[in-house]
């Protein structure tokens, strides 16, 4: 009798172990990828290196004066950082985490975007009302395109054929043909447009207007504003709601909009254009970036000197990480 009981317990134990192993396999037992976030700190002229596995800043890189825009190469080997007050774009090698060169950016580079092939850099020159195109292999400027006053936002279409630049004082979104290297359309939006972001299917371009307090949804074929998204946070004056950075989920269903001194990131239904939720983050939220798996969304919070980590699936802020002084831009390693 006792031998039979021991035999049955052994069978049950083996069954539980088998079920546990199956659950781990189905649930993806392999650990999640560890990504690195690079954050430009406008006031102390540094880039913070943040380990998103450890959820902490692990290094600080000294760069030029007033760093703002930042992008990472598709292979993750290089960062390109706008040092606006030095009139250069600096190149940081991610392996050594050191500045290894400069690019001829033109005066006061503000924001920048990579071509889909990763060999060209498009950047806005705020003081000279220009968009500069840089050949990264040759490290030279290929063209400069006149646009409106105080250009900033740079958004490349999914097919790479069009770049949208926003001019803060002219209050326009400029559509630039990347083959012709010239402006082919100008779309009037609300006051002080700061950012342009394309949907992954190329059907819409969203442009944030910081002072206007809106996001304009633009048809990129007709070059018409088809919708305007407004925001209202209980207890806050409308002047405190100043949209800047925008990011879409890969499926195009949800958009996140950074609302500046409102200290919130808005969660917007990207199909109906309705605001569904507001997430409280740090003070003066500027820019946003997803981890490549879109598990996390990172916001840079300029006045509180930190970044917020948002759990995308649960739409919940899970962590605040201290970085440098006045964090502005953020780029995340592709692997």
C-alpha atoms as a PDB file:
ATOM      1  CA  UNK A   1       0.000   0.000   0.000  1.00  0.00           C
ATOM      2  CA  UNK A   2       2.772   2.388   0.936  1.00  0.00           C
ATOM      3  CA  UNK A   3       4.711   1.489  -2.209  1.00  0.00           C
ATOM      4  CA  UNK A   4       1.634   2.274  -4.342  1.00  0.00           C
ATOM      5  CA  UNK A   5       1.214   5.667  -2.644  1.00  0.00           C
ATOM      6  CA  UNK A   6       4.853   6.549  -3.321  1.00  0.00           C
ATOM      7  CA  UNK A   7       4.430   5.485  -6.965  1.00  0.00           C
ATOM      8  CA  UNK A   8       1.351   7.722  -7.417  1.00  0.00           C
ATOM      9  CA  UNK A   9       3.091  10.715  -5.824  1.00  0.00           C
ATOM     10  CA  UNK A  10       6.001  10.229  -8.203  1.00  0.00           C
ATOM     11  CA  UNK A  11       3.656  10.220 -11.208  1.00  0.00           C
ATOM     12  CA  UNK A  12       1.908  13.361  -9.955  1.00  0.00           C
ATOM     13  CA  UNK A  13       5.215  15.165  -9.402  1.00  0.00           C
ATOM     14  CA  UNK A  14       6.406  14.288 -12.912  1.00  0.00           C
ATOM     15  CA  UNK A  15       3.085  15.484 -14.358  1.00  0.00           C
ATOM     16  CA  UNK A  16       3.355  18.839 -12.565  1.00  0.00           C
ATOM     17  CA  UNK A  17       6.907  19.296 -13.790  1.00  0.00           C
ATOM     18  CA  UNK A  18       5.805  18.531 -17.351  1.00  0.00           C
ATOM     19  CA  UNK A  19       2.944  21.040 -17.126  1.00  0.00           C
ATOM     20  CA  UNK A  20       5.290  23.711 -15.736  1.00  0.00           C
ATOM     21  CA  UNK A  21       7.763  23.106 -18.553  1.00  0.00           C
ATOM     22  CA  UNK A  22       4.991  23.359 -21.163  1.00  0.00           C
ATOM     23  CA  UNK A  23       3.689  26.608 -19.664  1.00  0.00           C
ATOM     24  CA  UNK A  24       7.140  28.135 -19.744  1.00  0.00           C
ATOM     25  CA  UNK A  25       7.584  27.117 -23.367  1.00  0.00           C
ATOM     26  CA  UNK A  26       4.217  28.517 -24.412  1.00  0.00           C
ATOM     27  CA  UNK A  27       4.754  31.714 -22.440  1.00  0.00           C
ATOM     28  CA  UNK A  28       8.153  32.400 -23.921  1.00  0.00           C
ATOM     29  CA  UNK A  29      10.536  31.417 -21.156  1.00  0.00           C
ATOM     30  CA  UNK A  30      13.445  33.200 -22.790  1.00  0.00           C
ATOM     31  CA  UNK A  31      14.304  36.478 -21.038  1.00  0.00           C
ATOM     32  CA  UNK A  32      13.201  39.749 -22.616  1.00  0.00           C
ATOM     33  CA  UNK A  33      15.806  41.698 -24.565  1.00  0.00           C
ATOM     34  CA  UNK A  34      17.723  44.328 -22.645  1.00  0.00           C
ATOM     35  CA  UNK A  35      17.586  47.679 -24.417  1.00  0.00           C
ATOM     36  CA  UNK A  36      19.565  50.853 -23.829  1.00  0.00           C
ATOM     37  CA  UNK A  37      18.044  54.332 -23.882  1.00  0.00           C
ATOM     38  CA  UNK A  38      20.165  57.372 -24.742  1.00  0.00           C
ATOM     39  CA  UNK A  39      18.826  60.678 -23.407  1.00  0.00           C
ATOM     40  CA  UNK A  40      20.063  64.157 -24.379  1.00  0.00           C
ATOM     41  CA  UNK A  41      20.312  66.559 -21.427  1.00  0.00           C
ATOM     42  CA  UNK A  42      19.970  70.094 -22.721  1.00  0.00           C
ATOM     43  CA  UNK A  43      21.296  72.013 -19.704  1.00  0.00           C
ATOM     44  CA  UNK A  44      24.378  70.008 -18.699  1.00  0.00           C
ATOM     45  CA  UNK A  45      25.535  69.080 -22.220  1.00  0.00           C
ATOM     46  CA  UNK A  46      25.458  65.331 -21.721  1.00  0.00           C
ATOM     47  CA  UNK A  47      23.816  62.132 -22.934  1.00  0.00           C
ATOM     48  CA  UNK A  48      22.605  59.750 -20.228  1.00  0.00           C
ATOM     49  CA  UNK A  49      22.963  56.022 -20.923  1.00  0.00           C
ATOM     50  CA  UNK A  50      20.062  54.132 -19.341  1.00  0.00           C
ATOM     51  CA  UNK A  51      19.983  50.341 -18.963  1.00  0.00           C
ATOM     52  CA  UNK A  52      16.302  49.456 -19.393  1.00  0.00           C
ATOM     53  CA  UNK A  53      16.835  45.999 -17.905  1.00  0.00           C
ATOM     54  CA  UNK A  54      18.279  47.383 -14.675  1.00  0.00           C
ATOM     55  CA  UNK A  55      16.056  50.486 -14.977  1.00  0.00           C
ATOM     56  CA  UNK A  56      18.893  52.846 -14.069  1.00  0.00           C
ATOM     57  CA  UNK A  57      21.337  55.322 -15.568  1.00  0.00           C
ATOM     58  CA  UNK A  58      24.681  53.566 -15.970  1.00  0.00           C
ATOM     59  CA  UNK A  59      26.840  56.206 -17.679  1.00  0.00           C
ATOM     60  CA  UNK A  60      26.982  59.853 -18.720  1.00  0.00           C
ATOM     61  CA  UNK A  61      28.620  60.995 -21.971  1.00  0.00           C
ATOM     62  CA  UNK A  62      29.835  64.587 -22.352  1.00  0.00           C
ATOM     63  CA  UNK A  63      28.780  66.197 -25.654  1.00  0.00           C
ATOM     64  CA  UNK A  64      28.511  69.651 -27.232  1.00  0.00           C
ATOM     65  CA  UNK A  65      26.399  72.558 -26.086  1.00  0.00           C
ATOM     66  CA  UNK A  66      22.586  72.313 -25.885  1.00  0.00           C
ATOM     67  CA  UNK A  67      22.038  68.750 -27.139  1.00  0.00           C
ATOM     68  CA  UNK A  68      18.461  68.093 -28.225  1.00  0.00           C
ATOM     69  CA  UNK A  69      17.610  65.918 -31.240  1.00  0.00           C
ATOM     70  CA  UNK A  70      19.028  62.385 -31.209  1.00  0.00           C
ATOM     71  CA  UNK A  71      18.684  59.317 -33.456  1.00  0.00           C
ATOM     72  CA  UNK A  72      20.398  55.937 -33.590  1.00  0.00           C
ATOM     73  CA  UNK A  73      21.636  54.138 -36.708  1.00  0.00           C
ATOM     74  CA  UNK A  74      19.614  51.070 -37.823  1.00  0.00           C
ATOM     75  CA  UNK A  75      22.428  48.731 -36.756  1.00  0.00           C
ATOM     76  CA  UNK A  76      22.686  50.435 -33.367  1.00  0.00           C
ATOM     77  CA  UNK A  77      26.381  51.280 -33.783  1.00  0.00           C
ATOM     78  CA  UNK A  78      26.161  55.069 -33.870  1.00  0.00           C
ATOM     79  CA  UNK A  79      24.180  57.887 -32.298  1.00  0.00           C
ATOM     80  CA  UNK A  80      23.721  61.247 -33.996  1.00  0.00           C
ATOM     81  CA  UNK A  81      23.200  64.149 -31.608  1.00  0.00           C
ATOM     82  CA  UNK A  82      22.301  67.775 -32.428  1.00  0.00           C
ATOM     83  CA  UNK A  83      24.566  70.099 -30.437  1.00  0.00           C
ATOM     84  CA  UNK A  84      22.629  73.239 -31.343  1.00  0.00           C
ATOM     85  CA  UNK A  85      24.813  75.916 -29.763  1.00  0.00           C
ATOM     86  CA  UNK A  86      27.953  74.408 -31.331  1.00  0.00           C
ATOM     87  CA  UNK A  87      26.369  74.211 -34.807  1.00  0.00           C
ATOM     88  CA  UNK A  88      27.311  70.534 -35.222  1.00  0.00           C
ATOM     89  CA  UNK A  89      25.877  67.050 -35.168  1.00  0.00           C
ATOM     90  CA  UNK A  90      28.071  64.783 -33.089  1.00  0.00           C
ATOM     91  CA  UNK A  91      28.632  61.073 -33.733  1.00  0.00           C
ATOM     92  CA  UNK A  92      28.760  58.756 -30.717  1.00  0.00           C
ATOM     93  CA  UNK A  93      29.932  55.165 -31.079  1.00  0.00           C
ATOM     94  CA  UNK A  94      27.647  53.067 -28.871  1.00  0.00           C
ATOM     95  CA  UNK A  95      30.258  50.357 -28.206  1.00  0.00           C
ATOM     96  CA  UNK A  96      32.837  52.726 -26.728  1.00  0.00           C
ATOM     97  CA  UNK A  97      30.170  55.273 -25.715  1.00  0.00           C
ATOM     98  CA  UNK A  98      32.432  58.086 -26.855  1.00  0.00           C
ATOM     99  CA  UNK A  99      32.150  60.948 -29.346  1.00  0.00           C
ATOM    100  CA  UNK A 100      34.043  59.835 -32.469  1.00  0.00           C
ATOM    101  CA  UNK A 101      33.308  62.614 -34.963  1.00  0.00           C
ATOM    102  CA  UNK A 102      31.208  65.563 -36.137  1.00  0.00           C
ATOM    103  CA  UNK A 103      28.953  66.240 -39.107  1.00  0.00           C
ATOM    104  CA  UNK A 104      28.595  69.579 -40.967  1.00  0.00           C
ATOM    105  CA  UNK A 105      25.102  70.364 -39.814  1.00  0.00           C
ATOM    106  CA  UNK A 106      24.674  74.023 -40.611  1.00  0.00           C
ATOM    107  CA  UNK A 107      23.635  76.535 -37.927  1.00  0.00           C
ATOM    108  CA  UNK A 108      21.630  75.530 -34.841  1.00  0.00           C
ATOM    109  CA  UNK A 109      20.566  71.940 -35.644  1.00  0.00           C
ATOM    110  CA  UNK A 110      17.390  71.136 -33.695  1.00  0.00           C
ATOM    111  CA  UNK A 111      15.759  67.838 -34.667  1.00  0.00           C
ATOM    112  CA  UNK A 112      16.829  65.143 -37.080  1.00  0.00           C
ATOM    113  CA  UNK A 113      15.602  61.985 -38.802  1.00  0.00           C
ATOM    114  CA  UNK A 114      17.247  59.164 -40.730  1.00  0.00           C
ATOM    115  CA  UNK A 115      16.299  58.087 -44.240  1.00  0.00           C
ATOM    116  CA  UNK A 116      14.757  54.623 -44.472  1.00  0.00           C
ATOM    117  CA  UNK A 117      18.016  53.287 -45.915  1.00  0.00           C
ATOM    118  CA  UNK A 118      19.949  54.772 -43.016  1.00  0.00           C
ATOM    119  CA  UNK A 119      22.494  56.557 -45.202  1.00  0.00           C
ATOM    120  CA  UNK A 120      21.055  60.084 -45.146  1.00  0.00           C
ATOM    121  CA  UNK A 121      20.312  62.407 -42.275  1.00  0.00           C
ATOM    122  CA  UNK A 122      17.611  65.091 -42.513  1.00  0.00           C
ATOM    123  CA  UNK A 123      17.852  67.882 -39.959  1.00  0.00           C
ATOM    124  CA  UNK A 124      16.305  71.257 -39.226  1.00  0.00           C
ATOM    125  CA  UNK A 125      18.431  74.387 -38.897  1.00  0.00           C
ATOM    126  CA  UNK A 126      16.312  76.557 -36.642  1.00  0.00           C
ATOM    127  CA  UNK A 127      18.148  79.870 -37.030  1.00  0.00           C
ATOM    128  CA  UNK A 128      18.480  79.763 -40.826  1.00  0.00           C
ATOM    129  CA  UNK A 129      15.053  78.390 -41.865  1.00  0.00           C
ATOM    130  CA  UNK A 130      16.646  75.441 -43.660  1.00  0.00           C
ATOM    131  CA  UNK A 131      16.474  71.653 -43.817  1.00  0.00           C
ATOM    132  CA  UNK A 132      19.918  70.134 -44.378  1.00  0.00           C
ATOM    133  CA  UNK A 133      20.508  66.712 -45.950  1.00  0.00           C
ATOM    134  CA  UNK A 134      23.726  64.958 -44.891  1.00  0.00           C
ATOM    135  CA  UNK A 135      25.418  61.976 -46.526  1.00  0.00           C
ATOM    136  CA  UNK A 136      26.526  59.888 -43.535  1.00  0.00           C
ATOM    137  CA  UNK A 137      29.079  57.807 -45.431  1.00  0.00           C
ATOM    138  CA  UNK A 138      30.814  60.819 -46.939  1.00  0.00           C
ATOM    139  CA  UNK A 139      30.069  63.010 -43.913  1.00  0.00           C
ATOM    140  CA  UNK A 140      29.110  65.972 -46.048  1.00  0.00           C
ATOM    141  CA  UNK A 141      26.042  68.102 -46.719  1.00  0.00           C
ATOM    142  CA  UNK A 142      24.269  67.243 -49.972  1.00  0.00           C
ATOM    143  CA  UNK A 143      21.613  69.952 -50.015  1.00  0.00           C
ATOM    144  CA  UNK A 144      19.911  72.692 -48.031  1.00  0.00           C
ATOM    145  CA  UNK A 145      16.213  73.291 -48.560  1.00  0.00           C
ATOM    146  CA  UNK A 146      14.542  76.614 -47.595  1.00  0.00           C
ATOM    147  CA  UNK A 147      11.495  76.160 -45.362  1.00  0.00           C
ATOM    148  CA  UNK A 148       9.511  78.304 -42.924  1.00  0.00           C
ATOM    149  CA  UNK A 149      10.780  80.266 -39.927  1.00  0.00           C
ATOM    150  CA  UNK A 150      12.192  78.250 -37.003  1.00  0.00           C
ATOM    151  CA  UNK A 151      12.005  74.742 -38.460  1.00  0.00           C
ATOM    152  CA  UNK A 152      11.976  71.855 -35.994  1.00  0.00           C
ATOM    153  CA  UNK A 153      10.004  68.625 -36.486  1.00  0.00           C
ATOM    154  CA  UNK A 154      11.291  66.076 -39.018  1.00  0.00           C
ATOM    155  CA  UNK A 155       9.209  63.066 -40.075  1.00  0.00           C
ATOM    156  CA  UNK A 156      10.132  60.611 -42.850  1.00  0.00           C
ATOM    157  CA  UNK A 157       7.344  58.761 -44.686  1.00  0.00           C
ATOM    158  CA  UNK A 158       7.295  54.936 -44.470  1.00  0.00           C
ATOM    159  CA  UNK A 159       8.357  54.651 -48.128  1.00  0.00           C
ATOM    160  CA  UNK A 160      11.078  57.277 -47.660  1.00  0.00           C
ATOM    161  CA  UNK A 161       9.786  59.465 -50.490  1.00  0.00           C
ATOM    162  CA  UNK A 162       8.592  62.411 -48.392  1.00  0.00           C
ATOM    163  CA  UNK A 163       9.952  64.295 -45.405  1.00  0.00           C
ATOM    164  CA  UNK A 164       7.679  66.555 -43.363  1.00  0.00           C
ATOM    165  CA  UNK A 165       9.261  69.503 -41.594  1.00  0.00           C
ATOM    166  CA  UNK A 166       7.396  71.775 -39.183  1.00  0.00           C
ATOM    167  CA  UNK A 167       8.162  75.499 -38.874  1.00  0.00           C
ATOM    168  CA  UNK A 168       7.327  76.915 -35.460  1.00  0.00           C
ATOM    169  CA  UNK A 169       6.817  80.558 -36.444  1.00  0.00           C
ATOM    170  CA  UNK A 170       5.327  80.067 -39.921  1.00  0.00           C
ATOM    171  CA  UNK A 171       2.880  77.513 -38.426  1.00  0.00           C
ATOM    172  CA  UNK A 172       3.221  75.131 -41.344  1.00  0.00           C
ATOM    173  CA  UNK A 173       4.035  71.546 -42.185  1.00  0.00           C
ATOM    174  CA  UNK A 174       6.296  71.474 -45.238  1.00  0.00           C
ATOM    175  CA  UNK A 175       6.192  68.376 -47.455  1.00  0.00           C
ATOM    176  CA  UNK A 176       9.599  67.753 -49.056  1.00  0.00           C
ATOM    177  CA  UNK A 177      10.092  65.405 -52.024  1.00  0.00           C
ATOM    178  CA  UNK A 178      13.268  63.461 -51.165  1.00  0.00           C
ATOM    179  CA  UNK A 179      14.156  62.833 -54.826  1.00  0.00           C
ATOM    180  CA  UNK A 180      13.647  66.419 -55.997  1.00  0.00           C
ATOM    181  CA  UNK A 181      14.895  67.788 -52.668  1.00  0.00           C
ATOM    182  CA  UNK A 182      12.353  70.572 -52.701  1.00  0.00           C
ATOM    183  CA  UNK A 183       9.157  71.569 -50.914  1.00  0.00           C
ATOM    184  CA  UNK A 184       6.118  70.355 -52.851  1.00  0.00           C
ATOM    185  CA  UNK A 185       3.339  71.389 -50.450  1.00  0.00           C
ATOM    186  CA  UNK A 186       2.744  73.590 -47.401  1.00  0.00           C
ATOM    187  CA  UNK A 187      -0.039  72.858 -44.918  1.00  0.00           C
ATOM    188  CA  UNK A 188      -1.174  75.465 -42.383  1.00  0.00           C
ATOM    189  CA  UNK A 189      -1.574  74.079 -38.845  1.00  0.00           C
ATOM    190  CA  UNK A 190      -2.061  75.606 -35.405  1.00  0.00           C
ATOM    191  CA  UNK A 191       0.449  77.755 -33.546  1.00  0.00           C
ATOM    192  CA  UNK A 192       4.027  76.569 -32.967  1.00  0.00           C
ATOM    193  CA  UNK A 193       4.137  73.104 -34.557  1.00  0.00           C
ATOM    194  CA  UNK A 194       6.879  71.028 -32.923  1.00  0.00           C
ATOM    195  CA  UNK A 195       6.731  67.479 -34.249  1.00  0.00           C
ATOM    196  CA  UNK A 196       5.600  65.384 -37.224  1.00  0.00           C
ATOM    197  CA  UNK A 197       4.913  61.650 -37.095  1.00  0.00           C
ATOM    198  CA  UNK A 198       3.673  59.325 -39.841  1.00  0.00           C
ATOM    199  CA  UNK A 199       1.411  56.344 -39.362  1.00  0.00           C
ATOM    200  CA  UNK A 200       3.195  53.137 -40.360  1.00  0.00           C
ATOM    201  CA  UNK A 201       0.879  52.638 -43.351  1.00  0.00           C
ATOM    202  CA  UNK A 202       1.534  56.180 -44.611  1.00  0.00           C
ATOM    203  CA  UNK A 203      -2.139  57.129 -44.485  1.00  0.00           C
ATOM    204  CA  UNK A 204      -1.783  60.083 -42.095  1.00  0.00           C
ATOM    205  CA  UNK A 205       0.758  62.554 -40.745  1.00  0.00           C
ATOM    206  CA  UNK A 206       0.157  63.936 -37.260  1.00  0.00           C
ATOM    207  CA  UNK A 207       1.609  67.356 -36.399  1.00  0.00           C
ATOM    208  CA  UNK A 208       1.617  68.679 -32.836  1.00  0.00           C
ATOM    209  CA  UNK A 209       1.045  72.396 -32.183  1.00  0.00           C
ATOM    210  CA  UNK A 210       2.559  73.364 -28.840  1.00  0.00           C
ATOM    211  CA  UNK A 211       0.911  76.757 -28.367  1.00  0.00           C
ATOM    212  CA  UNK A 212      -2.226  75.853 -30.299  1.00  0.00           C
ATOM    213  CA  UNK A 213      -2.735  72.871 -27.982  1.00  0.00           C
ATOM    214  CA  UNK A 214      -3.784  70.553 -30.814  1.00  0.00           C
ATOM    215  CA  UNK A 215      -2.610  67.768 -33.083  1.00  0.00           C
ATOM    216  CA  UNK A 216      -3.480  68.205 -36.764  1.00  0.00           C
ATOM    217  CA  UNK A 217      -4.171  65.016 -38.738  1.00  0.00           C
ATOM    218  CA  UNK A 218      -3.032  65.560 -42.335  1.00  0.00           C
ATOM    219  CA  UNK A 219      -3.851  63.616 -45.496  1.00  0.00           C
ATOM    220  CA  UNK A 220      -0.391  63.311 -47.114  1.00  0.00           C
ATOM    221  CA  UNK A 221      -1.827  62.919 -50.626  1.00  0.00           C
ATOM    222  CA  UNK A 222      -4.349  65.765 -50.630  1.00  0.00           C
ATOM    223  CA  UNK A 223      -2.256  67.834 -48.188  1.00  0.00           C
ATOM    224  CA  UNK A 224      -5.366  68.716 -46.199  1.00  0.00           C
ATOM    225  CA  UNK A 225      -5.999  68.764 -42.453  1.00  0.00           C
ATOM    226  CA  UNK A 226      -8.743  66.168 -42.042  1.00  0.00           C
ATOM    227  CA  UNK A 227      -9.097  66.281 -38.268  1.00  0.00           C
ATOM    228  CA  UNK A 228      -7.846  68.101 -35.176  1.00  0.00           C
ATOM    229  CA  UNK A 229      -7.301  66.423 -31.844  1.00  0.00           C
ATOM    230  CA  UNK A 230      -7.808  68.513 -28.706  1.00  0.00           C
ATOM    231  CA  UNK A 231      -7.009  67.714 -25.091  1.00  0.00           C
ATOM    232  CA  UNK A 232      -8.630  68.486 -21.766  1.00  0.00           C
ATOM    233  CA  UNK A 233      -7.187  67.484 -18.406  1.00  0.00           C
ATOM    234  CA  UNK A 234      -9.422  68.090 -15.361  1.00  0.00           C
ATOM    235  CA  UNK A 235      -7.952  70.737 -13.076  1.00  0.00           C
ATOM    236  CA  UNK A 236      -5.523  72.113 -15.674  1.00  0.00           C
ATOM    237  CA  UNK A 237      -5.797  75.329 -17.657  1.00  0.00           C
ATOM    238  CA  UNK A 238      -5.794  74.871 -21.419  1.00  0.00           C
ATOM    239  CA  UNK A 239      -2.559  76.918 -21.702  1.00  0.00           C
ATOM    240  CA  UNK A 240      -0.721  74.219 -19.749  1.00  0.00           C
ATOM    241  CA  UNK A 241      -1.542  71.590 -22.355  1.00  0.00           C
ATOM    242  CA  UNK A 242       1.208  71.854 -24.976  1.00  0.00           C
ATOM    243  CA  UNK A 243       1.580  68.836 -27.317  1.00  0.00           C
ATOM    244  CA  UNK A 244       5.073  67.976 -28.548  1.00  0.00           C
ATOM    245  CA  UNK A 245       6.286  64.392 -29.153  1.00  0.00           C
ATOM    246  CA  UNK A 246       4.073  61.768 -30.846  1.00  0.00           C
ATOM    247  CA  UNK A 247       4.445  57.987 -31.245  1.00  0.00           C
ATOM    248  CA  UNK A 248       2.203  55.302 -32.817  1.00  0.00           C
ATOM    249  CA  UNK A 249       2.016  51.623 -31.947  1.00  0.00           C
ATOM    250  CA  UNK A 250       3.082  49.365 -34.820  1.00  0.00           C
ATOM    251  CA  UNK A 251      -0.496  48.293 -35.532  1.00  0.00           C
ATOM    252  CA  UNK A 252      -1.530  51.946 -35.915  1.00  0.00           C
ATOM    253  CA  UNK A 253      -4.285  51.661 -33.325  1.00  0.00           C
ATOM    254  CA  UNK A 254      -2.914  53.809 -30.507  1.00  0.00           C
ATOM    255  CA  UNK A 255      -1.034  57.098 -30.475  1.00  0.00           C
ATOM    256  CA  UNK A 256       0.788  58.605 -27.516  1.00  0.00           C
ATOM    257  CA  UNK A 257       1.188  62.396 -27.320  1.00  0.00           C
ATOM    258  CA  UNK A 258       3.502  64.211 -24.889  1.00  0.00           C
ATOM    259  CA  UNK A 259       1.690  67.225 -23.415  1.00  0.00           C
ATOM    260  CA  UNK A 260       4.561  69.376 -22.102  1.00  0.00           C
ATOM    261  CA  UNK A 261       3.846  71.260 -18.843  1.00  0.00           C
ATOM    262  CA  UNK A 262       0.604  69.297 -18.415  1.00  0.00           C
ATOM    263  CA  UNK A 263       2.958  66.528 -17.199  1.00  0.00           C
ATOM    264  CA  UNK A 264       0.901  63.934 -19.015  1.00  0.00           C
ATOM    265  CA  UNK A 265       1.101  61.624 -21.983  1.00  0.00           C
ATOM    266  CA  UNK A 266      -2.229  61.353 -23.785  1.00  0.00           C
ATOM    267  CA  UNK A 267      -3.388  57.952 -25.041  1.00  0.00           C
ATOM    268  CA  UNK A 268      -5.314  58.516 -28.284  1.00  0.00           C
ATOM    269  CA  UNK A 269      -7.383  56.086 -30.356  1.00  0.00           C
ATOM    270  CA  UNK A 270      -5.534  56.553 -33.647  1.00  0.00           C
ATOM    271  CA  UNK A 271      -8.529  55.420 -35.690  1.00  0.00           C
ATOM    272  CA  UNK A 272     -11.274  57.547 -34.106  1.00  0.00           C
ATOM    273  CA  UNK A 273      -8.900  60.324 -32.951  1.00  0.00           C
ATOM    274  CA  UNK A 274     -10.522  60.268 -29.505  1.00  0.00           C
ATOM    275  CA  UNK A 275      -8.435  60.732 -26.350  1.00  0.00           C
ATOM    276  CA  UNK A 276      -8.931  57.683 -24.146  1.00  0.00           C
ATOM    277  CA  UNK A 277      -6.631  58.268 -21.198  1.00  0.00           C
ATOM    278  CA  UNK A 278      -3.985  60.529 -19.669  1.00  0.00           C
ATOM    279  CA  UNK A 279      -0.865  59.100 -18.026  1.00  0.00           C
ATOM    280  CA  UNK A 280       0.822  61.194 -15.335  1.00  0.00           C
ATOM    281  CA  UNK A 281       4.592  61.347 -15.934  1.00  0.00           C
ATOM    282  CA  UNK A 282       7.372  63.751 -14.855  1.00  0.00           C
ATOM    283  CA  UNK A 283       7.384  67.513 -15.260  1.00  0.00           C
ATOM    284  CA  UNK A 284       7.462  69.119 -18.712  1.00  0.00           C
ATOM    285  CA  UNK A 285       7.338  66.024 -20.907  1.00  0.00           C
ATOM    286  CA  UNK A 286       9.049  66.590 -24.265  1.00  0.00           C
ATOM    287  CA  UNK A 287       9.773  63.544 -26.393  1.00  0.00           C
ATOM    288  CA  UNK A 288       8.822  59.861 -26.584  1.00  0.00           C
ATOM    289  CA  UNK A 289      10.404  56.630 -27.827  1.00  0.00           C
ATOM    290  CA  UNK A 290       9.374  52.978 -27.851  1.00  0.00           C
ATOM    291  CA  UNK A 291      11.600  50.036 -27.139  1.00  0.00           C
ATOM    292  CA  UNK A 292      11.748  47.993 -30.384  1.00  0.00           C
ATOM    293  CA  UNK A 293       9.392  45.346 -28.964  1.00  0.00           C
ATOM    294  CA  UNK A 294       7.041  48.170 -27.889  1.00  0.00           C
ATOM    295  CA  UNK A 295       6.862  46.747 -24.377  1.00  0.00           C
ATOM    296  CA  UNK A 296       7.879  50.140 -22.989  1.00  0.00           C
ATOM    297  CA  UNK A 297       7.414  53.763 -23.985  1.00  0.00           C
ATOM    298  CA  UNK A 298       9.960  56.230 -22.613  1.00  0.00           C
ATOM    299  CA  UNK A 299       9.164  59.903 -21.991  1.00  0.00           C
ATOM    300  CA  UNK A 300      11.725  62.653 -21.339  1.00  0.00           C
ATOM    301  CA  UNK A 301      10.664  65.020 -18.574  1.00  0.00           C
ATOM    302  CA  UNK A 302      12.605  68.277 -18.831  1.00  0.00           C
ATOM    303  CA  UNK A 303      11.930  69.988 -15.513  1.00  0.00           C
ATOM    304  CA  UNK A 304      12.002  66.958 -13.192  1.00  0.00           C
ATOM    305  CA  UNK A 305      15.260  65.704 -14.771  1.00  0.00           C
ATOM    306  CA  UNK A 306      14.020  62.185 -15.262  1.00  0.00           C
ATOM    307  CA  UNK A 307      12.477  59.802 -17.745  1.00  0.00           C
ATOM    308  CA  UNK A 308       9.267  57.854 -17.215  1.00  0.00           C
ATOM    309  CA  UNK A 309       8.876  54.228 -18.257  1.00  0.00           C
ATOM    310  CA  UNK A 310       5.371  53.366 -19.474  1.00  0.00           C
ATOM    311  CA  UNK A 311       4.121  49.773 -19.662  1.00  0.00           C
ATOM    312  CA  UNK A 312       2.400  49.911 -23.064  1.00  0.00           C
ATOM    313  CA  UNK A 313       0.207  46.813 -22.683  1.00  0.00           C
ATOM    314  CA  UNK A 314      -1.227  48.005 -19.361  1.00  0.00           C
ATOM    315  CA  UNK A 315      -1.064  51.754 -20.098  1.00  0.00           C
ATOM    316  CA  UNK A 316       0.646  52.357 -16.776  1.00  0.00           C
ATOM    317  CA  UNK A 317       3.700  54.340 -15.672  1.00  0.00           C
ATOM    318  CA  UNK A 318       5.926  51.867 -13.837  1.00  0.00           C
ATOM    319  CA  UNK A 319       9.206  53.673 -13.200  1.00  0.00           C
ATOM    320  CA  UNK A 320      10.904  57.061 -12.972  1.00  0.00           C
ATOM    321  CA  UNK A 321      14.655  57.123 -13.707  1.00  0.00           C
ATOM    322  CA  UNK A 322      16.883  60.090 -12.926  1.00  0.00           C
ATOM    323  CA  UNK A 323      19.051  61.363 -15.796  1.00  0.00           C
ATOM    324  CA  UNK A 324      20.842  64.694 -16.420  1.00  0.00           C
ATOM    325  CA  UNK A 325      19.650  68.290 -16.379  1.00  0.00           C
ATOM    326  CA  UNK A 326      16.689  69.103 -18.653  1.00  0.00           C
ATOM    327  CA  UNK A 327      16.331  65.836 -20.601  1.00  0.00           C
ATOM    328  CA  UNK A 328      14.929  66.513 -24.063  1.00  0.00           C
ATOM    329  CA  UNK A 329      15.469  63.796 -26.704  1.00  0.00           C
ATOM    330  CA  UNK A 330      15.629  60.016 -26.500  1.00  0.00           C
ATOM    331  CA  UNK A 331      16.766  57.188 -28.770  1.00  0.00           C
ATOM    332  CA  UNK A 332      16.725  53.465 -27.951  1.00  0.00           C
ATOM    333  CA  UNK A 333      19.039  50.726 -29.177  1.00  0.00           C
ATOM    334  CA  UNK A 334      17.524  48.416 -31.822  1.00  0.00           C
ATOM    335  CA  UNK A 335      18.727  45.271 -30.014  1.00  0.00           C
END
